[in-house]
N, C-alpha and C. Protein backbone atom coordinates (compact mmCIF):
# COMPACT_ATOMS: atom_id res chain seq x y z
N MET A 1 103.22 75.77 64.96
CA MET A 1 101.38 76.24 64.82
C MET A 1 101.27 76.46 66.43
N ALA A 2 101.56 78.19 66.43
CA ALA A 2 100.46 78.66 67.67
C ALA A 2 99.45 78.97 68.44
N VAL A 3 99.87 78.73 69.62
CA VAL A 3 98.17 78.52 70.36
C VAL A 3 97.76 79.95 71.09
N PRO A 4 96.58 80.13 71.15
CA PRO A 4 95.91 81.55 70.82
C PRO A 4 95.70 81.36 72.79
N ALA A 5 96.57 82.15 73.05
CA ALA A 5 96.59 82.17 74.88
C ALA A 5 95.39 81.62 74.88
N LEU A 6 93.98 82.46 74.58
CA LEU A 6 92.95 82.37 75.36
C LEU A 6 92.64 80.75 75.84
N ASP A 7 93.07 80.28 74.40
CA ASP A 7 92.52 78.71 74.08
C ASP A 7 92.99 78.19 75.16
N LEU A 8 93.82 78.46 75.84
CA LEU A 8 94.59 77.83 77.19
C LEU A 8 94.35 77.80 78.28
N ALA A 9 93.44 78.85 78.51
CA ALA A 9 92.82 79.82 79.19
C ALA A 9 91.37 78.60 80.27
N THR A 10 91.08 78.87 81.49
CA THR A 10 90.16 78.76 82.09
C THR A 10 88.56 79.19 81.74
N PRO A 11 88.19 78.28 82.21
CA PRO A 11 86.03 78.82 81.53
C PRO A 11 85.92 80.33 82.75
N ALA A 12 87.01 80.46 83.77
CA ALA A 12 87.29 81.56 84.57
C ALA A 12 87.78 82.52 84.45
N VAL A 13 88.99 82.52 83.80
CA VAL A 13 89.54 83.05 83.30
C VAL A 13 89.38 84.21 81.99
N ARG A 14 88.86 82.83 81.28
CA ARG A 14 87.99 83.33 80.02
C ARG A 14 86.74 84.61 80.08
N ARG A 15 86.86 84.15 81.53
CA ARG A 15 84.81 84.99 81.45
C ARG A 15 85.19 84.80 83.11
N PRO A 16 85.38 86.25 83.55
CA PRO A 16 85.62 86.40 84.78
C PRO A 16 84.32 87.53 85.34
N SER A 17 84.05 86.59 86.95
CA SER A 17 83.11 87.56 87.27
C SER A 17 82.99 88.82 87.67
N PRO A 18 82.60 89.47 87.88
CA PRO A 18 82.53 90.56 88.99
C PRO A 18 82.98 91.01 90.62
N HIS A 19 84.08 91.65 91.10
CA HIS A 19 84.43 91.77 92.21
C HIS A 19 83.09 92.07 92.91
N VAL A 20 83.37 90.83 94.17
CA VAL A 20 81.52 91.12 95.04
C VAL A 20 82.08 91.47 96.32
N PRO A 21 81.96 93.13 96.90
CA PRO A 21 83.06 93.66 98.08
C PRO A 21 82.41 93.05 99.49
N GLY A 22 83.02 92.53 100.43
CA GLY A 22 82.45 91.70 101.08
C GLY A 22 81.69 92.43 102.28
N LYS A 23 81.51 92.07 103.50
CA LYS A 23 80.88 93.38 104.08
C LYS A 23 81.59 93.84 105.39
N PRO A 24 81.10 94.78 105.56
CA PRO A 24 82.19 95.99 106.35
C PRO A 24 82.36 95.54 107.97
N ILE A 25 83.45 95.33 108.86
CA ILE A 25 84.61 94.89 109.80
C ILE A 25 83.57 94.77 110.57
N GLY A 26 82.86 96.07 110.89
CA GLY A 26 81.43 96.31 112.23
C GLY A 26 80.37 95.19 111.48
N GLY A 27 80.52 94.72 110.79
CA GLY A 27 79.25 94.31 110.78
C GLY A 27 79.47 92.65 111.03
N LEU A 28 80.90 92.19 110.50
CA LEU A 28 81.49 91.24 110.58
C LEU A 28 81.59 90.48 112.00
N GLU A 29 81.82 91.63 113.07
CA GLU A 29 82.53 91.83 114.52
C GLU A 29 81.36 91.46 115.34
N ARG A 30 80.14 92.39 114.63
CA ARG A 30 78.89 92.11 115.28
C ARG A 30 78.41 90.44 115.10
N LYS A 31 78.43 90.14 114.20
CA LYS A 31 78.05 87.99 113.73
C LYS A 31 78.77 87.35 114.53
N TYR A 32 79.61 88.26 114.56
CA TYR A 32 80.85 86.79 115.57
C TYR A 32 81.42 87.38 116.59
N GLY A 33 80.80 88.39 117.14
CA GLY A 33 81.28 88.71 118.42
C GLY A 33 82.40 88.78 118.74
N ALA A 34 83.20 89.52 117.70
CA ALA A 34 84.55 89.85 117.78
C ALA A 34 84.95 90.88 118.20
N LYS A 35 86.18 91.39 118.75
CA LYS A 35 86.43 92.91 118.67
C LYS A 35 88.10 93.17 118.05
N GLY A 36 88.36 94.29 117.81
CA GLY A 36 90.01 95.01 117.27
C GLY A 36 90.24 93.82 116.22
N SER A 37 89.45 94.00 115.20
CA SER A 37 89.71 93.15 113.38
C SER A 37 90.24 94.56 112.23
N ILE A 38 91.13 93.52 112.29
CA ILE A 38 92.40 94.20 111.04
C ILE A 38 91.68 93.95 109.69
N LYS A 39 91.27 95.23 108.67
CA LYS A 39 90.64 95.12 107.54
C LYS A 39 92.32 94.34 106.84
N LEU A 40 92.27 93.61 106.07
CA LEU A 40 93.68 94.23 104.61
C LEU A 40 92.84 94.54 103.41
N GLY A 41 93.89 95.65 103.14
CA GLY A 41 93.36 95.89 101.74
C GLY A 41 94.03 94.64 100.74
N ASN A 42 93.27 95.42 99.50
CA ASN A 42 94.36 94.23 97.86
C ASN A 42 95.61 94.32 98.37
N GLY A 43 96.56 93.34 97.83
CA GLY A 43 97.70 93.40 98.18
C GLY A 43 98.21 93.18 99.31
N SER A 44 97.71 93.24 100.24
CA SER A 44 98.03 93.06 101.89
C SER A 44 98.84 92.40 102.43
N ASP A 45 99.69 91.94 103.10
CA ASP A 45 100.04 91.01 103.39
C ASP A 45 99.74 90.34 104.66
N GLY A 46 99.15 89.29 104.32
CA GLY A 46 98.06 89.65 106.60
C GLY A 46 99.63 88.67 107.24
N LEU A 47 100.61 88.43 107.02
CA LEU A 47 101.18 87.48 107.85
C LEU A 47 102.18 88.58 108.35
N LEU A 48 102.17 89.48 107.54
CA LEU A 48 102.64 90.91 108.12
C LEU A 48 102.43 91.42 109.17
N VAL A 49 100.89 91.24 109.11
CA VAL A 49 99.94 92.73 110.09
C VAL A 49 99.48 91.92 111.47
N MET A 50 100.01 90.09 111.15
CA MET A 50 99.60 89.49 112.13
C MET A 50 100.90 89.30 112.67
N ILE A 51 102.23 89.64 112.87
CA ILE A 51 103.42 90.00 112.82
C ILE A 51 103.33 91.24 113.96
N ALA A 52 103.29 91.94 113.03
CA ALA A 52 102.62 93.56 114.03
C ALA A 52 102.24 93.50 114.78
N GLY A 53 101.17 92.78 114.73
CA GLY A 53 99.97 92.89 115.41
C GLY A 53 100.39 91.33 117.34
N VAL A 54 100.76 91.03 117.15
CA VAL A 54 102.08 90.27 117.89
C VAL A 54 102.85 90.83 118.55
N ARG A 55 104.02 90.92 117.99
CA ARG A 55 104.62 92.07 118.41
C ARG A 55 104.65 93.04 119.83
N GLU A 56 102.82 93.85 118.84
CA GLU A 56 102.34 95.51 119.93
C GLU A 56 102.04 94.63 121.14
N ILE A 57 101.18 93.10 120.69
CA ILE A 57 101.04 92.52 122.37
C ILE A 57 102.21 92.93 123.53
N LEU A 58 102.96 91.58 122.67
CA LEU A 58 103.95 91.40 123.36
C LEU A 58 104.98 92.21 124.29
N GLN A 59 104.71 93.01 123.29
CA GLN A 59 105.33 94.58 123.69
C GLN A 59 104.70 94.88 125.14
N GLY A 60 103.08 94.67 125.00
CA GLY A 60 102.85 95.31 126.23
C GLY A 60 102.52 94.81 127.38
N CYS A 61 102.74 93.62 127.34
CA CYS A 61 102.47 92.58 128.43
C CYS A 61 103.76 92.85 129.67
């Protein structure tokens, strides 16, 4: 007997909540005193962005 896939899903999967967008970078930088923040888009690989940033910093030394 087959079990419907929805019956196997967790409540969060059955009833997803709408996406709540994050704060703008400028507001976060002011709040935490940060500078030069990088905003990642959906599907962005943070590790690759970090490696590229470290490489750029090291090349500038």
